[in-house]
Amino acid sequence: MITRKEKREEEKNKKYFFEFMKIQNHFYKDLNKKLKQVKDPRHQSYITYSPDVILMMVIIKNASNIETMREMTEEFNLDICIENLSKSLGIERLDEIPHYDTVNDFLSRLKPEELENIRTYMIKELINKKCFYDYRIDGKYWGIVIDGTGLFTFRKKHCEHCLKREYKNEETGEVKTIYMHHVLEAKLVVGDMVFSIASEFIENESEDVEKQDCERNAFYRMEKKLKNTFKRLPICIIADSLYACENVFQLCDKNKWKFLIRFKEGSIKSVMREFQSLKVLENSHSYEGISWVNDISYNQRTVHVLEFVEELEKDKRTFTYITNIKVGKKNAKRLINAGRSRWKIENEGFNNQKNIRYYIQHANSHDYNAMKNHYLLTQITDILVQLFENGSKIMKMTKKKAKKKASDLLRAFQTLTLTEEDLIKLEKPTQVRFT
């Protein structure tokens, strides 16, 4: 039986950073090249660090659960970190790591489209590898969850793109104004993993706009990006009841997308009334607690509605969805599960990134463009981390919590140098299995 001391020694020598790089190389052999090839906006005569050094440094910061840029500079100011960063990028010589001011200066100038292109490359590589085909809806459609969240809140106006909200104290009559930055996310759902596939910042064009930007308008902009980027990808939009409207249905029709949208009382009253009356009559259209009615007429199209009632110990919860996927016994349960996967963007997505790791509500820079790029780098990091924690054999064996896994990764980056043997192994094919 292994002693506690032996267990400590074994844990101390585990090469978590090497395992992280192995997963990266397995899925994204060209990632380092892509990072280096981003269009550098800086004056070339003043450049000390290439884009791949700066961007990979922030990716490792995020994966290691380091909250601030200052802390990153302090934690990485070690010879072993400098050596590991240079070896992981294939750089012959790296004397120092960039200071956080240098990083933020670069990110304040970099066009966010450059990082969006890298994320697109990563998502397309995942799809092309076919390892997640079993998670498609109805055996064909990739489930993409849409939802918005708040990122930053300020008591004073941060920039001309801030959203603004006023709160009135009913007792004193005092009005307080809060300034905010929000984002709309589209995440690809595969099992328990959710990968960012598109981000649309909810922002005002200028401070004197008559009507503020909103989540649904951001979706209309995002829809164009999704279609242009993934022209032939069979998509099923999964969203909350905000999206149960004619404009969204029309866009899905035009793009030949499917939709699976939470359907609440008051969303589309005529469709809800017909569903409620027909589901009682058509007893054959029920299966394992799920009821459905197909072919309900609405605005020169037909839609289908399905409902699942979850019996709890003292209560029950009802989940109703409107969709353009025809429902039957073979797919009713899978559609309900797909619809309920919308919560993954809240739990595995926003909650994880806000409260467990990444700290996306912490503004790593005061510059708005840099803030956007930090957020996009977090989404890129999160793809790598999820693949690492769910695909690496060494990580699947551990029962540690997310923060401990991140601290183990940081310790390995700080203490265990990548060897020439490790670099040779990184080039060899490896097998990755997901449960």
Protein backbone atom coordinates (compact mmCIF):
# COMPACT_ATOMS: atom_id res chain seq x y z
CA MET A 1 0.00 0.00 0.00
CA ILE A 2 1.30 3.43 -0.96
CA THR A 3 2.29 5.65 1.96
CA ARG A 4 1.29 9.29 2.32
CA LYS A 5 4.88 10.37 1.70
CA GLU A 6 5.07 8.28 -1.49
CA LYS A 7 1.78 9.76 -2.61
CA ARG A 8 3.16 13.28 -2.07
CA GLU A 9 6.28 12.45 -4.06
CA GLU A 10 4.25 10.92 -6.89
CA GLU A 11 1.94 13.95 -6.99
CA LYS A 12 4.88 16.36 -6.94
CA ASN A 13 6.38 14.82 -10.07
CA LYS A 14 3.26 14.63 -12.20
CA LYS A 15 3.81 16.61 -15.39
CA TYR A 16 0.45 18.33 -15.64
CA PHE A 17 1.79 21.05 -17.93
CA PHE A 18 3.19 18.41 -20.28
CA GLU A 19 -0.22 16.69 -20.27
CA PHE A 20 -1.87 20.03 -21.03
CA MET A 21 0.44 20.55 -24.01
CA LYS A 22 -0.18 16.98 -25.15
CA ILE A 23 -3.94 17.61 -25.34
CA GLN A 24 -3.31 20.90 -27.16
CA ASN A 25 -1.06 19.18 -29.72
CA HIS A 26 -3.53 16.35 -30.20
CA PHE A 27 -6.40 18.62 -31.13
CA TYR A 28 -4.61 21.73 -32.36
CA LYS A 29 -1.22 21.07 -33.96
CA ASP A 30 -1.26 24.48 -35.61
CA LEU A 31 -2.39 26.53 -32.59
CA ASN A 32 1.06 27.97 -31.86
CA LYS A 33 1.42 28.94 -35.50
CA LYS A 34 -2.03 30.55 -35.46
CA LEU A 35 -1.12 32.56 -32.36
CA LYS A 36 2.09 33.77 -33.98
CA GLN A 37 0.32 34.75 -37.20
CA VAL A 38 -2.22 37.15 -35.69
CA LYS A 39 -1.91 40.59 -37.29
CA ASP A 40 0.33 42.47 -34.90
CA PRO A 41 -0.84 46.10 -34.63
CA ARG A 42 2.33 47.35 -32.95
CA HIS A 43 5.18 49.19 -34.63
CA GLN A 44 7.52 46.37 -35.64
CA SER A 45 10.72 48.20 -34.73
CA TYR A 46 9.73 48.32 -31.04
CA ILE A 47 8.68 44.70 -30.62
CA THR A 48 10.42 42.48 -28.07
CA TYR A 49 7.82 39.72 -27.70
CA SER A 50 5.99 38.08 -30.57
CA PRO A 51 2.17 37.63 -30.38
CA ASP A 52 2.38 33.90 -29.62
CA VAL A 53 4.46 34.58 -26.46
CA ILE A 54 1.99 37.15 -25.18
CA LEU A 55 -1.16 35.18 -26.03
CA MET A 56 0.09 31.83 -24.73
CA MET A 57 1.18 33.50 -21.51
CA VAL A 58 -2.39 34.76 -20.92
CA ILE A 59 -3.81 31.33 -21.83
CA ILE A 60 -1.58 29.66 -19.21
CA LYS A 61 -2.53 32.40 -16.70
CA ASN A 62 -6.22 31.61 -17.24
CA ALA A 63 -5.73 27.84 -17.11
CA SER A 64 -3.75 28.23 -13.86
CA ASN A 65 -6.58 30.16 -12.19
CA ILE A 66 -4.52 33.32 -11.72
CA GLU A 67 -6.89 36.22 -11.14
CA THR A 68 -4.90 39.38 -11.90
CA MET A 69 -2.33 40.43 -14.47
CA ARG A 70 0.04 41.62 -11.74
CA GLU A 71 -0.15 38.19 -10.08
CA MET A 72 0.58 36.55 -13.45
CA THR A 73 3.80 38.56 -13.82
CA GLU A 74 4.87 37.63 -10.29
CA GLU A 75 4.01 33.90 -10.56
CA PHE A 76 5.68 33.47 -13.97
CA ASN A 77 8.87 35.37 -13.09
CA LEU A 78 10.85 32.14 -12.76
CA ASP A 79 13.54 30.67 -15.00
CA ILE A 80 11.61 27.40 -15.31
CA CYS A 81 8.44 29.26 -16.44
CA ILE A 82 10.42 31.18 -19.06
CA GLU A 83 12.00 27.93 -20.29
CA ASN A 84 8.68 26.06 -20.37
CA LEU A 85 6.96 28.88 -22.24
CA SER A 86 9.73 29.06 -24.84
CA LYS A 87 9.87 25.25 -25.30
CA SER A 88 6.11 24.92 -25.58
CA LEU A 89 6.16 27.50 -28.39
CA GLY A 90 9.29 26.16 -30.09
CA ILE A 91 11.25 29.37 -29.44
CA GLU A 92 15.03 29.02 -29.26
CA ARG A 93 15.64 31.88 -26.85
CA LEU A 94 13.40 33.76 -24.46
CA ASP A 95 15.20 35.86 -21.86
CA GLU A 96 12.19 37.20 -19.97
CA ILE A 97 8.42 36.99 -19.96
CA PRO A 98 6.50 40.12 -20.95
CA HIS A 99 5.35 42.43 -18.17
CA TYR A 100 1.60 42.75 -17.73
CA ASP A 101 1.72 46.33 -19.02
CA THR A 102 3.23 45.02 -22.26
CA VAL A 103 0.51 42.37 -22.49
CA ASN A 104 -2.30 44.87 -21.96
CA ASP A 105 -0.79 47.34 -24.40
CA PHE A 106 -0.78 44.63 -27.07
CA LEU A 107 -4.36 43.53 -26.27
CA SER A 108 -5.59 47.13 -26.35
CA ARG A 109 -4.45 47.35 -29.99
CA LEU A 110 -5.25 43.84 -31.21
CA LYS A 111 -8.46 43.47 -33.22
CA PRO A 112 -10.82 41.01 -31.45
CA GLU A 113 -11.50 39.40 -34.85
CA GLU A 114 -7.99 37.93 -34.69
CA LEU A 115 -8.86 35.93 -31.57
CA GLU A 116 -12.30 35.07 -32.93
CA ASN A 117 -10.56 33.51 -35.93
CA ILE A 118 -8.41 31.37 -33.64
CA ARG A 119 -11.48 30.18 -31.74
CA THR A 120 -13.20 29.36 -35.05
CA TYR A 121 -10.18 27.29 -36.08
CA MET A 122 -10.40 25.40 -32.77
CA ILE A 123 -14.13 24.67 -33.07
CA LYS A 124 -13.83 23.53 -36.68
CA GLU A 125 -10.98 21.20 -35.74
CA LEU A 126 -13.16 19.63 -33.02
CA ILE A 127 -16.05 19.14 -35.42
CA ASN A 128 -13.80 17.68 -38.13
CA LYS A 129 -12.33 15.11 -35.74
CA LYS A 130 -15.80 13.54 -35.41
CA CYS A 131 -15.19 12.56 -31.77
CA PHE A 132 -18.37 14.35 -30.66
CA TYR A 133 -20.78 13.16 -33.36
CA ASP A 134 -22.77 11.07 -30.88
CA TYR A 135 -23.85 14.24 -29.06
CA ARG A 136 -25.70 15.70 -32.05
CA ILE A 137 -29.44 16.32 -31.75
CA ASP A 138 -31.57 13.93 -33.81
CA GLY A 139 -28.33 12.41 -35.06
CA LYS A 140 -27.57 15.47 -37.21
CA TYR A 141 -27.80 18.89 -35.55
CA TRP A 142 -25.18 20.48 -33.33
CA GLY A 143 -26.80 22.01 -30.26
CA ILE A 144 -25.78 25.64 -29.79
CA VAL A 145 -27.02 27.32 -26.62
CA ILE A 146 -27.59 31.08 -26.72
CA ASP A 147 -27.61 33.24 -23.58
CA GLY A 148 -26.34 36.55 -22.27
CA THR A 149 -24.56 37.49 -19.07
CA GLY A 150 -23.12 40.52 -17.31
CA LEU A 151 -19.35 40.99 -17.26
CA PHE A 152 -18.38 44.29 -15.66
CA THR A 153 -20.22 46.82 -13.49
CA PHE A 154 -19.09 50.37 -12.76
CA ARG A 155 -20.45 53.19 -10.60
CA LYS A 156 -19.15 55.75 -13.09
CA LYS A 157 -19.31 55.66 -16.86
CA HIS A 158 -16.48 53.49 -18.13
CA CYS A 159 -16.69 54.30 -21.85
CA GLU A 160 -19.14 55.42 -24.52
CA HIS A 161 -20.23 51.80 -25.12
CA CYS A 162 -21.53 51.22 -21.57
CA LEU A 163 -25.05 50.03 -20.97
CA LYS A 164 -26.83 52.11 -18.33
CA ARG A 165 -29.43 51.17 -15.74
CA GLU A 166 -31.07 53.43 -13.16
CA TYR A 167 -32.32 52.33 -9.74
CA LYS A 168 -34.63 54.45 -7.62
CA ASN A 169 -34.74 54.19 -3.85
CA GLU A 170 -38.46 54.17 -3.04
CA GLU A 171 -37.90 55.60 0.46
CA THR A 172 -35.49 58.44 -0.33
CA GLY A 173 -36.29 58.97 -4.01
CA GLU A 174 -32.57 58.89 -4.76
CA VAL A 175 -31.70 57.60 -8.25
CA LYS A 176 -28.52 55.60 -8.73
CA THR A 177 -27.04 54.85 -12.14
CA ILE A 178 -25.07 51.69 -12.83
CA TYR A 179 -22.88 51.29 -15.93
CA MET A 180 -22.36 47.79 -17.34
CA HIS A 181 -20.82 45.65 -20.05
CA HIS A 182 -22.65 42.48 -21.10
CA VAL A 183 -21.98 39.74 -23.64
CA LEU A 184 -24.12 37.27 -25.58
CA GLU A 185 -22.59 33.81 -25.86
CA ALA A 186 -23.18 30.93 -28.25
CA LYS A 187 -21.82 27.68 -26.87
CA LEU A 188 -21.57 24.29 -28.53
CA VAL A 189 -22.91 21.61 -26.18
CA VAL A 190 -21.28 18.17 -26.27
CA GLY A 191 -22.16 16.05 -23.26
CA ASP A 192 -21.07 17.87 -20.11
CA MET A 193 -18.77 20.22 -22.03
CA VAL A 194 -19.77 23.59 -23.47
CA PHE A 195 -17.39 25.30 -25.91
CA SER A 196 -17.68 28.96 -26.84
CA ILE A 197 -18.38 29.19 -30.56
CA ALA A 198 -19.29 32.89 -30.87
CA SER A 199 -19.43 35.99 -28.65
CA GLU A 200 -21.33 39.20 -29.33
CA PHE A 201 -20.76 42.11 -26.97
CA ILE A 202 -23.94 43.91 -25.99
CA GLU A 203 -22.86 47.52 -26.30
CA ASN A 204 -24.12 50.93 -27.27
CA GLU A 205 -22.70 52.44 -30.43
CA SER A 206 -22.23 55.73 -28.60
CA GLU A 207 -23.27 57.34 -25.32
CA ASP A 208 -26.05 59.42 -26.91
CA VAL A 209 -28.10 56.57 -28.43
CA GLU A 210 -31.87 56.83 -28.04
CA LYS A 211 -32.35 53.13 -27.40
CA GLN A 212 -29.81 50.89 -25.70
CA ASP A 213 -28.47 47.69 -27.21
CA CYS A 214 -30.10 44.49 -25.94
CA GLU A 215 -29.65 40.73 -25.97
CA ARG A 216 -32.01 40.03 -28.85
CA ASN A 217 -30.39 42.67 -31.09
CA ALA A 218 -27.03 41.14 -30.26
CA PHE A 219 -28.40 37.78 -31.42
CA TYR A 220 -29.39 39.25 -34.77
CA ARG A 221 -25.77 40.37 -35.25
CA MET A 222 -24.45 37.04 -33.98
CA GLU A 223 -26.68 35.10 -36.38
CA LYS A 224 -24.91 36.66 -39.37
CA LYS A 225 -21.49 35.75 -37.95
CA LEU A 226 -22.54 32.18 -37.19
CA LYS A 227 -23.93 31.66 -40.68
CA ASN A 228 -20.91 33.21 -42.41
CA THR A 229 -18.46 31.26 -40.25
CA PHE A 230 -20.20 27.87 -40.23
CA LYS A 231 -21.98 27.96 -43.58
CA ARG A 232 -22.87 24.28 -43.84
CA LEU A 233 -22.98 23.27 -40.18
CA PRO A 234 -26.36 21.76 -39.22
CA ILE A 235 -27.30 23.86 -36.21
CA CYS A 236 -30.05 23.65 -33.60
CA ILE A 237 -30.47 26.87 -31.62
CA ILE A 238 -31.28 26.19 -27.94
CA ALA A 239 -32.46 29.25 -26.03
CA ASP A 240 -34.80 30.62 -23.37
CA SER A 241 -38.27 32.04 -23.95
CA LEU A 242 -36.90 35.44 -25.01
CA TYR A 243 -36.19 33.88 -28.40
CA ALA A 244 -39.66 32.37 -28.95
CA CYS A 245 -40.63 34.99 -31.53
CA GLU A 246 -41.28 35.36 -35.26
CA ASN A 247 -38.00 37.12 -36.08
CA VAL A 248 -35.94 34.26 -34.62
CA PHE A 249 -38.10 31.66 -36.37
CA GLN A 250 -37.60 33.46 -39.69
CA LEU A 251 -33.83 33.52 -39.27
CA CYS A 252 -33.79 29.80 -38.51
CA ASP A 253 -35.98 29.14 -41.57
CA LYS A 254 -33.68 31.22 -43.77
CA ASN A 255 -30.52 29.49 -42.49
CA LYS A 256 -32.09 26.01 -42.48
CA TRP A 257 -31.40 25.79 -38.75
CA LYS A 258 -33.48 23.92 -36.23
CA PHE A 259 -34.59 25.55 -32.99
CA LEU A 260 -35.50 24.20 -29.56
CA ILE A 261 -36.68 27.09 -27.42
CA ARG A 262 -38.13 27.23 -23.92
CA PHE A 263 -41.84 28.00 -24.25
CA LYS A 264 -43.62 29.79 -21.43
CA GLU A 265 -47.15 30.99 -20.83
CA GLY A 266 -47.57 34.24 -22.74
CA SER A 267 -44.80 33.63 -25.31
CA ILE A 268 -47.12 32.87 -28.25
CA LYS A 269 -50.61 32.61 -26.79
CA SER A 270 -52.34 31.03 -29.81
CA VAL A 271 -49.80 28.20 -30.03
CA MET A 272 -49.90 27.60 -26.28
CA ARG A 273 -53.71 27.44 -26.26
CA GLU A 274 -53.75 24.91 -29.08
CA PHE A 275 -51.09 22.79 -27.43
CA GLN A 276 -52.91 22.76 -24.09
CA SER A 277 -56.19 21.71 -25.70
CA LEU A 278 -54.75 19.10 -28.09
CA LYS A 279 -52.38 17.39 -25.66
CA VAL A 280 -55.41 16.24 -23.61
CA LEU A 281 -57.11 14.77 -26.67
CA GLU A 282 -54.09 13.06 -28.21
CA ASN A 283 -53.20 10.61 -25.48
CA SER A 284 -51.05 8.59 -27.90
CA HIS A 285 -48.62 11.52 -28.09
CA SER A 286 -47.06 10.93 -24.71
CA TYR A 287 -44.08 8.90 -23.59
CA GLU A 288 -42.28 8.59 -20.23
CA GLY A 289 -43.88 11.73 -18.83
CA ILE A 290 -43.42 13.71 -22.06
CA SER A 291 -46.38 15.05 -24.02
CA TRP A 292 -46.22 16.61 -27.46
CA VAL A 293 -48.32 17.98 -30.29
CA ASN A 294 -46.95 18.26 -33.82
CA ASP A 295 -47.94 20.52 -36.72
CA ILE A 296 -49.47 23.51 -34.92
CA SER A 297 -50.05 26.27 -37.45
CA TYR A 298 -48.30 29.58 -36.82
CA ASN A 299 -47.62 32.37 -39.33
CA GLN A 300 -47.56 30.23 -42.48
CA ARG A 301 -45.44 27.53 -40.88
CA THR A 302 -46.01 24.66 -38.52
CA VAL A 303 -44.30 24.28 -35.16
CA HIS A 304 -44.20 21.44 -32.66
CA VAL A 305 -44.51 21.68 -28.88
CA LEU A 306 -43.37 19.16 -26.29
CA GLU A 307 -43.61 19.20 -22.52
CA PHE A 308 -42.03 17.28 -19.68
CA VAL A 309 -43.35 17.29 -16.12
CA GLU A 310 -40.71 16.45 -13.53
CA GLU A 311 -42.13 15.04 -10.32
CA LEU A 312 -40.27 16.28 -7.25
CA GLU A 313 -40.64 15.19 -3.64
CA LYS A 314 -43.05 17.98 -2.69
CA ASP A 315 -43.66 19.71 -5.99
CA LYS A 316 -43.30 19.36 -9.73
CA ARG A 317 -41.61 21.34 -12.50
CA THR A 318 -42.83 21.71 -16.05
CA PHE A 319 -40.51 22.17 -19.03
CA THR A 320 -42.16 23.17 -22.31
CA TYR A 321 -40.35 23.72 -25.62
CA ILE A 322 -41.31 24.95 -29.07
CA THR A 323 -39.35 23.45 -31.96
CA ASN A 324 -39.29 22.83 -35.71
CA ILE A 325 -38.05 19.27 -35.18
CA LYS A 326 -40.91 16.78 -35.49
CA VAL A 327 -41.41 14.93 -32.22
CA GLY A 328 -42.00 11.20 -31.81
CA LYS A 329 -41.31 8.42 -29.33
CA LYS A 330 -37.81 7.89 -30.70
CA ASN A 331 -36.58 11.41 -30.10
CA ALA A 332 -38.92 12.93 -27.44
CA LYS A 333 -36.66 12.18 -24.48
CA ARG A 334 -33.50 13.25 -26.31
CA LEU A 335 -35.14 16.55 -27.29
CA ILE A 336 -36.15 17.24 -23.69
CA ASN A 337 -32.57 16.49 -22.56
CA ALA A 338 -31.22 18.76 -25.29
CA GLY A 339 -33.61 21.54 -24.27
CA ARG A 340 -32.63 21.24 -20.64
CA SER A 341 -28.94 21.37 -21.60
CA ARG A 342 -29.51 25.14 -21.88
CA TRP A 343 -28.67 25.23 -18.17
CA LYS A 344 -25.14 24.11 -19.01
CA ILE A 345 -24.34 27.59 -20.31
CA GLU A 346 -25.28 28.89 -16.85
CA ASN A 347 -23.54 26.19 -14.80
CA GLU A 348 -20.60 24.78 -16.78
CA GLY A 349 -20.43 28.09 -18.65
CA PHE A 350 -21.04 31.41 -16.86
CA ASN A 351 -21.04 30.19 -13.25
CA ASN A 352 -17.81 28.27 -13.74
CA GLN A 353 -16.11 31.21 -15.44
CA LYS A 354 -17.28 33.74 -12.86
CA ASN A 355 -17.09 31.91 -9.55
CA ILE A 356 -14.84 28.87 -9.89
CA ARG A 357 -12.12 29.83 -12.35
CA TYR A 358 -11.12 32.59 -14.82
CA TYR A 359 -12.82 35.44 -12.89
CA ILE A 360 -14.36 36.94 -16.04
CA GLN A 361 -15.98 39.71 -13.97
CA HIS A 362 -12.53 41.01 -13.08
CA ALA A 363 -11.44 43.63 -15.63
CA ASN A 364 -7.80 42.82 -16.41
CA SER A 365 -7.47 46.17 -18.16
CA HIS A 366 -9.26 49.52 -18.16
CA ASP A 367 -9.13 49.63 -21.95
CA TYR A 368 -12.38 48.36 -23.48
CA ASN A 369 -10.73 46.67 -26.46
CA ALA A 370 -8.28 44.88 -24.16
CA MET A 371 -11.20 43.82 -21.94
CA LYS A 372 -12.84 42.20 -24.96
CA ASN A 373 -9.64 40.40 -25.91
CA HIS A 374 -9.13 39.13 -22.36
CA TYR A 375 -12.65 37.70 -22.48
CA LEU A 376 -12.02 36.00 -25.84
CA LEU A 377 -8.74 34.56 -24.57
CA THR A 378 -10.67 33.12 -21.64
CA GLN A 379 -13.03 31.36 -24.05
CA ILE A 380 -10.06 29.96 -25.98
CA THR A 381 -8.48 28.79 -22.72
CA ASP A 382 -11.72 27.20 -21.58
CA ILE A 383 -11.86 25.01 -24.69
CA LEU A 384 -8.36 23.72 -23.94
CA VAL A 385 -9.05 23.23 -20.22
CA GLN A 386 -12.26 21.27 -20.80
CA LEU A 387 -10.52 18.99 -23.31
CA PHE A 388 -7.62 18.60 -20.87
CA GLU A 389 -9.75 17.74 -17.84
CA ASN A 390 -12.14 15.43 -19.73
CA GLY A 391 -9.68 13.88 -22.19
CA SER A 392 -6.38 13.48 -20.37
CA LYS A 393 -6.00 10.08 -18.66
CA ILE A 394 -4.16 11.60 -15.73
CA MET A 395 -6.89 14.19 -15.17
CA LYS A 396 -9.78 11.75 -15.52
CA MET A 397 -8.28 9.61 -12.74
CA THR A 398 -8.18 12.46 -10.23
CA LYS A 399 -11.13 13.45 -8.07
CA LYS A 400 -9.82 16.94 -7.39
CA LYS A 401 -11.89 20.09 -7.68
CA ALA A 402 -11.35 22.61 -10.46
CA LYS A 403 -9.28 25.05 -8.39
CA LYS A 404 -6.95 22.28 -7.20
CA LYS A 405 -6.47 21.05 -10.77
CA ALA A 406 -5.57 24.58 -11.81
CA SER A 407 -3.08 24.99 -8.95
CA ASP A 408 -1.47 21.63 -9.88
CA LEU A 409 -1.08 22.86 -13.45
CA LEU A 410 0.55 26.09 -12.20
CA ARG A 411 2.92 24.21 -9.88
CA ALA A 412 4.00 21.91 -12.73
CA PHE A 413 4.59 24.94 -14.99
CA GLN A 414 6.74 26.51 -12.26
CA THR A 415 8.73 23.43 -11.16
CA LEU A 416 8.96 20.77 -13.90
CA THR A 417 10.90 21.67 -17.02
CA LEU A 418 9.80 20.25 -20.35
CA THR A 419 12.59 17.91 -21.48
CA GLU A 420 13.76 17.06 -25.01
CA GLU A 421 12.13 13.66 -24.51
CA ASP A 422 8.85 15.41 -23.64
CA LEU A 423 9.04 17.53 -26.81
CA ILE A 424 9.57 14.39 -28.92
CA LYS A 425 6.55 12.76 -27.26
CA LEU A 426 4.42 15.82 -28.03
CA GLU A 427 4.95 15.21 -31.74
CA LYS A 428 3.77 11.59 -31.54
CA PRO A 429 0.09 10.65 -32.00
CA THR A 430 -1.84 10.08 -28.81
CA GLN A 431 -5.25 8.55 -28.08
CA VAL A 432 -7.92 10.64 -26.38
CA ARG A 433 -11.24 9.17 -25.29
CA PHE A 434 -14.23 10.98 -23.84
CA THR A 435 -16.80 9.25 -21.68
